[in-house]
Amino acid sequence: MNPKIDRFLNHRKTWQKEMMAIREIILDVGLEEELKWRLPCYTFEEKNIVIIQGFKSYCALLFFKGALLKDPKELLEAPGKSQAARQIRFTNVQEVLKLKSTIKSYLKEAIKIEQAGLKVELKETKDYEVPEEFQKKLNKMPKLKAAFEALTPGRQRGYLHYFSAAKQTKPSEARIEKYL
């Protein structure tokens, strides 16, 4: 047990019981405990496996390569636009305790995935569909196209995702206009 994690948990105002229960389960499968990004992070052979997170309405156990896990109980949720990470979310300590054996099996599978050296195949920016409204703007405005291409791939994906998330043409166009 890492004393830095003890201090972290002892000073928590929210989700303390839930995080302590999750921690106990994780330590029982033999992962190393570190404080990374100001959160309890658990590693296997110096590779990140899971991290415990606290949010306003839930706490979560995030699997870094969760997209590769089998999810027979359908517990895993993708946080935001993440391609690789998946979370199990909890709103009380009873949920954690009820899922103890399931969490352990997911952790063991995550360790096997790391041992096998498996990697999540991430979609590249070119694999994302460019919304028709945005493509028209890119075709008409060479400076916009150059500026967009100068962005990092992650920023490009973020914009493409945001523009295409609108269900109708008008909101999509409004989003595009706002960010020109």
N, C-alpha and C. Protein backbone atom coordinates (compact mmCIF):
# COMPACT_ATOMS: atom_id res chain seq x y z
N MET A 1 0.84 -1.19 0.00
CA MET A 1 0.00 0.00 0.00
C MET A 1 0.88 1.24 0.00
N ASN A 2 0.54 2.15 -0.84
CA ASN A 2 1.32 3.38 -1.00
C ASN A 2 0.78 4.44 -0.03
N PRO A 3 1.67 5.00 0.81
CA PRO A 3 1.22 6.03 1.77
C PRO A 3 0.65 7.27 1.10
N LYS A 4 1.06 7.57 -0.11
CA LYS A 4 0.50 8.72 -0.83
C LYS A 4 -0.99 8.49 -1.11
N ILE A 5 -1.34 7.25 -1.39
CA ILE A 5 -2.75 6.93 -1.65
C ILE A 5 -3.54 6.99 -0.34
N ASP A 6 -2.92 6.55 0.76
CA ASP A 6 -3.56 6.67 2.07
C ASP A 6 -3.93 8.12 2.34
N ARG A 7 -2.97 9.02 2.12
CA ARG A 7 -3.22 10.46 2.36
C ARG A 7 -4.31 10.98 1.42
N PHE A 8 -4.23 10.57 0.16
CA PHE A 8 -5.24 10.99 -0.81
C PHE A 8 -6.64 10.59 -0.34
N LEU A 9 -6.80 9.33 0.05
CA LEU A 9 -8.11 8.84 0.45
C LEU A 9 -8.57 9.43 1.78
N ASN A 10 -7.65 9.65 2.70
CA ASN A 10 -8.02 10.20 4.00
C ASN A 10 -8.52 11.64 3.91
N HIS A 11 -8.13 12.34 2.86
CA HIS A 11 -8.55 13.73 2.69
C HIS A 11 -9.72 13.90 1.73
N ARG A 12 -10.25 12.80 1.23
CA ARG A 12 -11.40 12.86 0.31
C ARG A 12 -12.64 13.29 1.07
N LYS A 13 -13.39 14.17 0.47
CA LYS A 13 -14.67 14.57 1.04
C LYS A 13 -15.82 13.79 0.38
N THR A 14 -15.60 13.35 -0.84
CA THR A 14 -16.62 12.58 -1.55
C THR A 14 -16.02 11.27 -2.03
N TRP A 15 -16.85 10.26 -2.10
CA TRP A 15 -16.50 8.95 -2.65
C TRP A 15 -15.41 8.21 -1.88
N GLN A 16 -15.14 8.59 -0.66
CA GLN A 16 -14.06 7.96 0.10
C GLN A 16 -14.31 6.46 0.31
N LYS A 17 -15.49 6.09 0.78
CA LYS A 17 -15.79 4.67 1.04
C LYS A 17 -15.73 3.85 -0.24
N GLU A 18 -16.28 4.40 -1.30
CA GLU A 18 -16.29 3.69 -2.58
C GLU A 18 -14.86 3.48 -3.08
N MET A 19 -14.06 4.53 -3.01
CA MET A 19 -12.67 4.43 -3.48
C MET A 19 -11.86 3.46 -2.64
N MET A 20 -12.11 3.45 -1.34
CA MET A 20 -11.39 2.51 -0.47
C MET A 20 -11.77 1.06 -0.80
N ALA A 21 -13.04 0.83 -1.09
CA ALA A 21 -13.49 -0.51 -1.45
C ALA A 21 -12.89 -0.94 -2.79
N ILE A 22 -12.86 -0.03 -3.75
CA ILE A 22 -12.27 -0.33 -5.06
C ILE A 22 -10.78 -0.63 -4.88
N ARG A 23 -10.12 0.19 -4.08
CA ARG A 23 -8.68 0.00 -3.83
C ARG A 23 -8.39 -1.38 -3.27
N GLU A 24 -9.18 -1.81 -2.32
CA GLU A 24 -8.98 -3.12 -1.69
C GLU A 24 -9.08 -4.24 -2.73
N ILE A 25 -10.04 -4.13 -3.62
CA ILE A 25 -10.23 -5.13 -4.68
C ILE A 25 -9.01 -5.14 -5.61
N ILE A 26 -8.56 -3.97 -5.99
CA ILE A 26 -7.42 -3.86 -6.91
C ILE A 26 -6.16 -4.44 -6.29
N LEU A 27 -5.91 -4.09 -5.03
CA LEU A 27 -4.69 -4.57 -4.37
C LEU A 27 -4.72 -6.09 -4.20
N ASP A 28 -5.92 -6.65 -4.12
CA ASP A 28 -6.06 -8.10 -3.95
C ASP A 28 -5.61 -8.87 -5.19
N VAL A 29 -5.58 -8.22 -6.37
CA VAL A 29 -5.10 -8.91 -7.58
C VAL A 29 -3.62 -8.62 -7.84
N GLY A 30 -2.99 -7.83 -6.96
CA GLY A 30 -1.54 -7.68 -7.01
C GLY A 30 -0.98 -6.57 -7.88
N LEU A 31 -1.77 -5.55 -8.17
CA LEU A 31 -1.25 -4.44 -8.96
C LEU A 31 -0.45 -3.48 -8.06
N GLU A 32 0.50 -2.78 -8.66
CA GLU A 32 1.28 -1.78 -7.96
C GLU A 32 0.48 -0.49 -7.86
N GLU A 33 0.64 0.20 -6.75
CA GLU A 33 -0.16 1.39 -6.48
C GLU A 33 0.71 2.64 -6.55
N GLU A 34 0.27 3.62 -7.34
CA GLU A 34 0.99 4.88 -7.49
C GLU A 34 0.01 6.04 -7.50
N LEU A 35 0.51 7.23 -7.25
CA LEU A 35 -0.30 8.43 -7.38
C LEU A 35 0.13 9.09 -8.69
N LYS A 36 -0.77 9.09 -9.68
CA LYS A 36 -0.49 9.71 -10.98
C LYS A 36 -1.64 10.63 -11.32
N TRP A 37 -1.34 11.77 -11.86
CA TRP A 37 -2.36 12.75 -12.22
C TRP A 37 -3.24 13.07 -11.00
N ARG A 38 -2.61 13.01 -9.82
CA ARG A 38 -3.28 13.26 -8.53
C ARG A 38 -4.39 12.27 -8.22
N LEU A 39 -4.30 11.08 -8.79
CA LEU A 39 -5.30 10.04 -8.58
C LEU A 39 -4.62 8.71 -8.31
N PRO A 40 -5.30 7.80 -7.61
CA PRO A 40 -4.74 6.45 -7.42
C PRO A 40 -4.71 5.70 -8.74
N CYS A 41 -3.52 5.32 -9.15
CA CYS A 41 -3.32 4.61 -10.41
C CYS A 41 -2.65 3.28 -10.11
N TYR A 42 -3.04 2.25 -10.83
CA TYR A 42 -2.54 0.90 -10.56
C TYR A 42 -1.90 0.35 -11.82
N THR A 43 -0.70 -0.18 -11.62
CA THR A 43 0.12 -0.60 -12.76
C THR A 43 0.52 -2.06 -12.65
N PHE A 44 0.91 -2.60 -13.79
CA PHE A 44 1.49 -3.94 -13.88
C PHE A 44 2.75 -3.79 -14.71
N GLU A 45 3.88 -4.13 -14.12
CA GLU A 45 5.18 -3.98 -14.78
C GLU A 45 5.32 -2.58 -15.38
N GLU A 46 4.98 -1.59 -14.58
CA GLU A 46 5.08 -0.17 -14.91
C GLU A 46 4.16 0.28 -16.04
N LYS A 47 3.18 -0.51 -16.39
CA LYS A 47 2.18 -0.15 -17.40
C LYS A 47 0.87 0.14 -16.69
N ASN A 48 0.24 1.25 -17.05
CA ASN A 48 -1.02 1.63 -16.43
C ASN A 48 -2.12 0.63 -16.78
N ILE A 49 -2.83 0.17 -15.75
CA ILE A 49 -3.94 -0.75 -15.96
C ILE A 49 -5.26 -0.05 -15.66
N VAL A 50 -5.37 0.52 -14.44
CA VAL A 50 -6.60 1.21 -14.04
C VAL A 50 -6.27 2.43 -13.19
N ILE A 51 -7.25 3.32 -13.09
CA ILE A 51 -7.14 4.50 -12.25
C ILE A 51 -8.50 4.72 -11.59
N ILE A 52 -8.49 5.18 -10.36
CA ILE A 52 -9.74 5.47 -9.65
C ILE A 52 -10.02 6.96 -9.79
N GLN A 53 -11.26 7.28 -10.20
CA GLN A 53 -11.62 8.67 -10.45
C GLN A 53 -12.86 9.04 -9.66
N GLY A 54 -12.93 10.30 -9.26
CA GLY A 54 -14.12 10.80 -8.58
C GLY A 54 -14.72 11.95 -9.37
N PHE A 55 -16.01 11.90 -9.59
CA PHE A 55 -16.73 12.94 -10.31
C PHE A 55 -17.86 13.45 -9.43
N LYS A 56 -18.60 14.39 -9.94
CA LYS A 56 -19.68 14.98 -9.17
C LYS A 56 -20.75 13.94 -8.80
N SER A 57 -21.21 13.18 -9.79
CA SER A 57 -22.33 12.28 -9.54
C SER A 57 -21.96 10.80 -9.47
N TYR A 58 -20.69 10.48 -9.61
CA TYR A 58 -20.26 9.08 -9.51
C TYR A 58 -18.75 9.02 -9.32
N CYS A 59 -18.28 7.86 -8.87
CA CYS A 59 -16.85 7.59 -8.92
C CYS A 59 -16.67 6.44 -9.91
N ALA A 60 -15.46 6.28 -10.42
CA ALA A 60 -15.28 5.31 -11.48
C ALA A 60 -13.94 4.60 -11.37
N LEU A 61 -13.93 3.40 -11.89
CA LEU A 61 -12.71 2.65 -12.10
C LEU A 61 -12.50 2.65 -13.60
N LEU A 62 -11.44 3.34 -14.06
CA LEU A 62 -11.18 3.47 -15.48
C LEU A 62 -10.09 2.49 -15.90
N PHE A 63 -10.41 1.68 -16.91
CA PHE A 63 -9.45 0.75 -17.50
C PHE A 63 -8.84 1.44 -18.71
N PHE A 64 -7.51 1.59 -18.71
CA PHE A 64 -6.84 2.31 -19.78
C PHE A 64 -7.06 1.65 -21.14
N LYS A 65 -7.08 0.33 -21.19
CA LYS A 65 -7.32 -0.39 -22.44
C LYS A 65 -8.66 -1.11 -22.37
N GLY A 66 -9.63 -0.46 -21.79
CA GLY A 66 -10.94 -1.05 -21.57
C GLY A 66 -11.66 -1.48 -22.83
N ALA A 67 -11.36 -0.85 -23.95
CA ALA A 67 -12.00 -1.23 -25.22
C ALA A 67 -11.65 -2.66 -25.62
N LEU A 68 -10.55 -3.18 -25.10
CA LEU A 68 -10.14 -4.55 -25.43
C LEU A 68 -10.76 -5.60 -24.50
N LEU A 69 -11.37 -5.16 -23.42
CA LEU A 69 -11.95 -6.09 -22.46
C LEU A 69 -13.25 -6.68 -22.99
N LYS A 70 -13.46 -7.96 -22.68
CA LYS A 70 -14.79 -8.53 -22.91
C LYS A 70 -15.64 -7.90 -21.81
N ASP A 71 -16.86 -7.65 -22.08
CA ASP A 71 -17.72 -6.99 -21.10
C ASP A 71 -19.04 -7.75 -20.98
N PRO A 72 -18.98 -8.99 -20.46
CA PRO A 72 -20.20 -9.81 -20.43
C PRO A 72 -21.32 -9.20 -19.58
N LYS A 73 -20.97 -8.40 -18.59
CA LYS A 73 -21.99 -7.78 -17.73
C LYS A 73 -22.43 -6.41 -18.25
N GLU A 74 -21.81 -5.96 -19.34
CA GLU A 74 -22.11 -4.66 -19.95
C GLU A 74 -22.03 -3.52 -18.94
N LEU A 75 -20.91 -3.48 -18.23
CA LEU A 75 -20.67 -2.46 -17.21
C LEU A 75 -19.83 -1.30 -17.73
N LEU A 76 -19.06 -1.54 -18.77
CA LEU A 76 -18.08 -0.57 -19.22
C LEU A 76 -18.71 0.54 -20.06
N GLU A 77 -18.33 1.77 -19.75
CA GLU A 77 -18.79 2.93 -20.50
C GLU A 77 -17.58 3.71 -21.00
N ALA A 78 -17.68 4.22 -22.21
CA ALA A 78 -16.61 5.05 -22.76
C ALA A 78 -16.76 6.45 -22.17
N PRO A 79 -15.70 6.96 -21.55
CA PRO A 79 -15.78 8.34 -21.04
C PRO A 79 -15.55 9.33 -22.18
N GLY A 80 -16.51 10.18 -22.41
CA GLY A 80 -16.35 11.19 -23.47
C GLY A 80 -16.13 10.55 -24.82
N LYS A 81 -15.09 11.02 -25.51
CA LYS A 81 -14.80 10.54 -26.87
C LYS A 81 -13.66 9.53 -26.88
N SER A 82 -13.34 8.96 -25.75
CA SER A 82 -12.20 8.05 -25.66
C SER A 82 -12.39 6.82 -26.54
N GLN A 83 -11.34 6.47 -27.25
CA GLN A 83 -11.38 5.28 -28.09
C GLN A 83 -10.91 4.05 -27.32
N ALA A 84 -10.04 4.24 -26.32
CA ALA A 84 -9.43 3.12 -25.63
C ALA A 84 -9.99 2.88 -24.23
N ALA A 85 -10.14 3.93 -23.46
CA ALA A 85 -10.52 3.81 -22.05
C ALA A 85 -11.99 3.46 -21.88
N ARG A 86 -12.27 2.74 -20.80
CA ARG A 86 -13.64 2.41 -20.41
C ARG A 86 -13.73 2.48 -18.89
N GLN A 87 -14.89 2.91 -18.38
CA GLN A 87 -15.12 3.05 -16.95
C GLN A 87 -16.22 2.12 -16.47
N ILE A 88 -16.08 1.70 -15.21
CA ILE A 88 -17.20 1.15 -14.46
C ILE A 88 -17.54 2.24 -13.46
N ARG A 89 -18.79 2.68 -13.46
CA ARG A 89 -19.21 3.79 -12.61
C ARG A 89 -19.99 3.28 -11.40
N PHE A 90 -19.78 3.98 -10.27
CA PHE A 90 -20.43 3.61 -9.02
C PHE A 90 -21.03 4.85 -8.36
N THR A 91 -22.17 4.66 -7.72
CA THR A 91 -22.79 5.76 -6.98
C THR A 91 -22.90 5.46 -5.49
N ASN A 92 -22.53 4.24 -5.09
CA ASN A 92 -22.49 3.91 -3.66
C ASN A 92 -21.59 2.70 -3.43
N VAL A 93 -21.20 2.51 -2.19
CA VAL A 93 -20.26 1.45 -1.85
C VAL A 93 -20.88 0.06 -2.04
N GLN A 94 -22.19 -0.06 -1.90
CA GLN A 94 -22.85 -1.35 -2.09
C GLN A 94 -22.68 -1.85 -3.52
N GLU A 95 -22.70 -0.94 -4.49
CA GLU A 95 -22.49 -1.34 -5.89
C GLU A 95 -21.09 -1.92 -6.07
N VAL A 96 -20.11 -1.31 -5.42
CA VAL A 96 -18.73 -1.79 -5.52
C VAL A 96 -18.65 -3.20 -4.93
N LEU A 97 -19.19 -3.37 -3.74
CA LEU A 97 -19.11 -4.67 -3.05
C LEU A 97 -19.87 -5.75 -3.81
N LYS A 98 -20.99 -5.40 -4.41
CA LYS A 98 -21.79 -6.36 -5.17
C LYS A 98 -21.03 -6.85 -6.41
N LEU A 99 -20.19 -5.98 -6.97
CA LEU A 99 -19.45 -6.32 -8.20
C LEU A 99 -18.01 -6.79 -7.94
N LYS A 100 -17.68 -7.07 -6.70
CA LYS A 100 -16.31 -7.41 -6.33
C LYS A 100 -15.70 -8.51 -7.23
N SER A 101 -16.39 -9.62 -7.40
CA SER A 101 -15.81 -10.71 -8.21
C SER A 101 -15.73 -10.32 -9.69
N THR A 102 -16.70 -9.57 -10.16
CA THR A 102 -16.69 -9.12 -11.56
C THR A 102 -15.52 -8.16 -11.79
N ILE A 103 -15.33 -7.23 -10.86
CA ILE A 103 -14.22 -6.28 -10.98
C ILE A 103 -12.90 -7.03 -11.01
N LYS A 104 -12.75 -8.02 -10.14
CA LYS A 104 -11.52 -8.82 -10.12
C LYS A 104 -11.30 -9.52 -11.46
N SER A 105 -12.34 -10.07 -12.04
CA SER A 105 -12.16 -10.77 -13.32
C SER A 105 -11.80 -9.78 -14.43
N TYR A 106 -12.40 -8.58 -14.42
CA TYR A 106 -12.03 -7.56 -15.40
C TYR A 106 -10.57 -7.14 -15.21
N LEU A 107 -10.15 -6.99 -13.95
CA LEU A 107 -8.76 -6.61 -13.67
C LEU A 107 -7.79 -7.68 -14.17
N LYS A 108 -8.11 -8.94 -13.92
CA LYS A 108 -7.25 -10.04 -14.36
C LYS A 108 -7.16 -10.08 -15.88
N GLU A 109 -8.27 -9.83 -16.54
CA GLU A 109 -8.26 -9.79 -18.00
C GLU A 109 -7.42 -8.61 -18.50
N ALA A 110 -7.53 -7.46 -17.83
CA ALA A 110 -6.73 -6.28 -18.22
C ALA A 110 -5.24 -6.56 -18.06
N ILE A 111 -4.87 -7.29 -17.04
CA ILE A 111 -3.46 -7.67 -16.83
C ILE A 111 -3.00 -8.58 -17.97
N LYS A 112 -3.84 -9.56 -18.33
CA LYS A 112 -3.49 -10.46 -19.44
C LYS A 112 -3.33 -9.71 -20.76
N ILE A 113 -4.17 -8.73 -20.97
CA ILE A 113 -4.07 -7.90 -22.17
C ILE A 113 -2.73 -7.18 -22.20
N GLU A 114 -2.33 -6.66 -21.05
CA GLU A 114 -1.03 -5.95 -20.97
C GLU A 114 0.12 -6.93 -21.16
N GLN A 115 0.03 -8.11 -20.56
CA GLN A 115 1.09 -9.12 -20.71
C GLN A 115 1.24 -9.54 -22.17
N ALA A 116 0.13 -9.60 -22.88
CA ALA A 116 0.16 -10.00 -24.29
C ALA A 116 0.63 -8.87 -25.19
N GLY A 117 0.77 -7.67 -24.63
CA GLY A 117 1.23 -6.53 -25.42
C GLY A 117 0.19 -6.00 -26.41
N LEU A 118 -1.08 -6.29 -26.14
CA LEU A 118 -2.13 -5.84 -27.05
C LEU A 118 -2.30 -4.33 -26.98
N LYS A 119 -2.68 -3.76 -28.10
CA LYS A 119 -2.89 -2.31 -28.18
C LYS A 119 -4.25 -2.04 -28.82
N VAL A 120 -4.87 -0.97 -28.38
CA VAL A 120 -6.14 -0.55 -28.98
C VAL A 120 -5.82 0.11 -30.31
N GLU A 121 -6.48 -0.35 -31.36
CA GLU A 121 -6.29 0.28 -32.68
C GLU A 121 -7.12 1.55 -32.71
N LEU A 122 -6.44 2.67 -32.71
CA LEU A 122 -7.12 3.96 -32.68
C LEU A 122 -7.42 4.42 -34.10
N LYS A 123 -8.60 5.00 -34.25
CA LYS A 123 -8.95 5.58 -35.54
C LYS A 123 -8.08 6.81 -35.76
N GLU A 124 -7.60 6.96 -36.97
CA GLU A 124 -6.83 8.15 -37.32
C GLU A 124 -7.79 9.22 -37.81
N THR A 125 -7.31 10.44 -37.85
CA THR A 125 -8.14 11.56 -38.27
C THR A 125 -8.75 11.32 -39.64
N LYS A 126 -7.99 10.75 -40.56
CA LYS A 126 -8.49 10.51 -41.92
C LYS A 126 -9.65 9.51 -41.93
N ASP A 127 -9.80 8.73 -40.84
CA ASP A 127 -10.88 7.75 -40.76
C ASP A 127 -12.21 8.37 -40.32
N TYR A 128 -12.16 9.61 -39.85
CA TYR A 128 -13.38 10.30 -39.41
C TYR A 128 -14.07 10.94 -40.61
N GLU A 129 -15.37 10.87 -40.60
CA GLU A 129 -16.15 11.47 -41.67
C GLU A 129 -16.19 12.98 -41.47
N VAL A 130 -15.93 13.71 -42.56
CA VAL A 130 -16.01 15.17 -42.51
C VAL A 130 -17.45 15.54 -42.86
N PRO A 131 -18.16 16.23 -41.94
CA PRO A 131 -19.54 16.61 -42.23
C PRO A 131 -19.63 17.42 -43.53
N GLU A 132 -20.66 17.16 -44.28
CA GLU A 132 -20.84 17.79 -45.59
C GLU A 132 -20.76 19.32 -45.51
N GLU A 133 -21.39 19.89 -44.48
CA GLU A 133 -21.41 21.35 -44.32
C GLU A 133 -19.99 21.90 -44.14
N PHE A 134 -19.19 21.16 -43.36
CA PHE A 134 -17.83 21.60 -43.12
C PHE A 134 -16.96 21.41 -44.36
N GLN A 135 -17.17 20.33 -45.08
CA GLN A 135 -16.41 20.07 -46.30
C GLN A 135 -16.64 21.18 -47.32
N LYS A 136 -17.87 21.66 -47.42
CA LYS A 136 -18.19 22.77 -48.33
C LYS A 136 -17.37 24.00 -47.96
N LYS A 137 -17.29 24.30 -46.66
CA LYS A 137 -16.51 25.46 -46.19
C LYS A 137 -15.03 25.27 -46.51
N LEU A 138 -14.51 24.07 -46.30
CA LEU A 138 -13.10 23.79 -46.59
C LEU A 138 -12.80 23.99 -48.08
N ASN A 139 -13.74 23.55 -48.92
CA ASN A 139 -13.55 23.68 -50.37
C ASN A 139 -13.58 25.14 -50.81
N LYS A 140 -14.43 25.95 -50.18
CA LYS A 140 -14.59 27.37 -50.55
C LYS A 140 -13.51 28.26 -49.95
N MET A 141 -12.92 27.84 -48.83
CA MET A 141 -12.01 28.72 -48.09
C MET A 141 -10.64 28.05 -47.90
N PRO A 142 -9.71 28.30 -48.80
CA PRO A 142 -8.39 27.68 -48.70
C PRO A 142 -7.67 28.00 -47.38
N LYS A 143 -7.87 29.22 -46.85
CA LYS A 143 -7.24 29.58 -45.57
C LYS A 143 -7.79 28.73 -44.43
N LEU A 144 -9.07 28.47 -44.46
CA LEU A 144 -9.69 27.61 -43.45
C LEU A 144 -9.12 26.20 -43.54
N LYS A 145 -9.01 25.70 -44.77
CA LYS A 145 -8.46 24.36 -44.96
C LYS A 145 -7.03 24.27 -44.44
N ALA A 146 -6.23 25.28 -44.74
CA ALA A 146 -4.83 25.30 -44.28
C ALA A 146 -4.77 25.38 -42.75
N ALA A 147 -5.63 26.22 -42.18
CA ALA A 147 -5.65 26.36 -40.72
C ALA A 147 -6.08 25.05 -40.06
N PHE A 148 -7.09 24.39 -40.64
CA PHE A 148 -7.58 23.12 -40.09
C PHE A 148 -6.49 22.05 -40.18
N GLU A 149 -5.81 22.00 -41.31
CA GLU A 149 -4.75 21.00 -41.49
C GLU A 149 -3.54 21.27 -40.61
N ALA A 150 -3.38 22.51 -40.16
CA ALA A 150 -2.27 22.85 -39.27
C ALA A 150 -2.54 22.44 -37.82
N LEU A 151 -3.79 22.13 -37.51
CA LEU A 151 -4.13 21.69 -36.15
C LEU A 151 -3.55 20.31 -35.88
N THR A 152 -3.39 20.00 -34.61
CA THR A 152 -2.95 18.64 -34.25
C THR A 152 -4.05 17.66 -34.63
N PRO A 153 -3.70 16.41 -34.87
CA PRO A 153 -4.74 15.42 -35.21
C PRO A 153 -5.85 15.33 -34.15
N GLY A 154 -5.48 15.44 -32.90
CA GLY A 154 -6.49 15.38 -31.84
C GLY A 154 -7.48 16.53 -31.91
N ARG A 155 -6.99 17.73 -32.20
CA ARG A 155 -7.88 18.89 -32.34
C ARG A 155 -8.78 18.72 -33.57
N GLN A 156 -8.20 18.21 -34.65
CA GLN A 156 -9.00 17.98 -35.85
C GLN A 156 -10.14 17.00 -35.54
N ARG A 157 -9.81 15.90 -34.86
CA ARG A 157 -10.84 14.92 -34.51
C ARG A 157 -11.90 15.54 -33.61
N GLY A 158 -11.47 16.37 -32.67
CA GLY A 158 -12.41 17.03 -31.77
C GLY A 158 -13.42 17.88 -32.52
N TYR A 159 -12.93 18.68 -33.46
CA TYR A 159 -13.83 19.50 -34.27
C TYR A 159 -14.76 18.64 -35.12
N LEU A 160 -14.20 17.63 -35.78
CA LEU A 160 -15.02 16.77 -36.62
C LEU A 160 -16.11 16.08 -35.80
N HIS A 161 -15.73 15.63 -34.63
CA HIS A 161 -16.70 14.98 -33.75
C HIS A 161 -17.79 15.97 -33.34
N TYR A 162 -17.40 17.17 -32.94
CA TYR A 162 -18.35 18.19 -32.49
C TYR A 162 -19.29 18.61 -33.61
N PHE A 163 -18.73 18.85 -34.79
CA PHE A 163 -19.56 19.28 -35.92
C PHE A 163 -20.55 18.18 -36.32
N SER A 164 -20.10 16.95 -36.32
CA SER A 164 -20.97 15.85 -36.78
C SER A 164 -21.93 15.38 -35.71
N ALA A 165 -21.75 15.80 -34.46
CA ALA A 165 -22.65 15.38 -33.38
C ALA A 165 -24.02 16.04 -33.49
N ALA A 166 -24.10 17.15 -34.20
CA ALA A 166 -25.39 17.81 -34.39
C ALA A 166 -26.28 16.91 -35.25
N LYS A 167 -27.52 16.75 -34.85
CA LYS A 167 -28.43 15.83 -35.54
C LYS A 167 -29.02 16.41 -36.83
N GLN A 168 -29.03 17.75 -36.91
CA GLN A 168 -29.62 18.38 -38.09
C GLN A 168 -28.63 19.35 -38.72
N THR A 169 -28.94 19.78 -39.92
CA THR A 169 -28.05 20.65 -40.68
C THR A 169 -27.85 22.01 -40.02
N LYS A 170 -28.94 22.64 -39.58
CA LYS A 170 -28.83 24.00 -39.02
C LYS A 170 -27.89 24.06 -37.81
N PRO A 171 -28.07 23.19 -36.81
CA PRO A 171 -27.14 23.25 -35.68
C PRO A 171 -25.69 22.97 -36.08
N SER A 172 -25.51 22.07 -37.04
CA SER A 172 -24.17 21.76 -37.53
C SER A 172 -23.55 22.99 -38.17
N GLU A 173 -24.33 23.65 -39.02
CA GLU A 173 -23.84 24.88 -39.67
C GLU A 173 -23.53 25.95 -38.65
N ALA A 174 -24.36 26.09 -37.63
CA ALA A 174 -24.14 27.09 -36.58
C ALA A 174 -22.85 26.80 -35.83
N ARG A 175 -22.60 25.55 -35.55
CA ARG A 175 -21.35 25.17 -34.87
C ARG A 175 -20.14 25.52 -35.74
N ILE A 176 -20.24 25.20 -37.00
CA ILE A 176 -19.13 25.48 -37.92
C ILE A 176 -18.88 26.97 -38.00
N GLU A 177 -19.92 27.75 -38.16
CA GLU A 177 -19.79 29.23 -38.24
C GLU A 177 -19.15 29.78 -36.98
N LYS A 178 -19.55 29.26 -35.84
CA LYS A 178 -19.02 29.76 -34.57
C LYS A 178 -17.51 29.56 -34.48
N TYR A 179 -17.01 28.46 -35.03
CA TYR A 179 -15.59 28.14 -34.89
C TYR A 179 -14.73 28.48 -36.09
N LEU A 180 -15.32 29.15 -37.09
CA LEU A 180 -14.52 29.56 -38.24
C LEU A 180 -13.39 30.47 -37.79
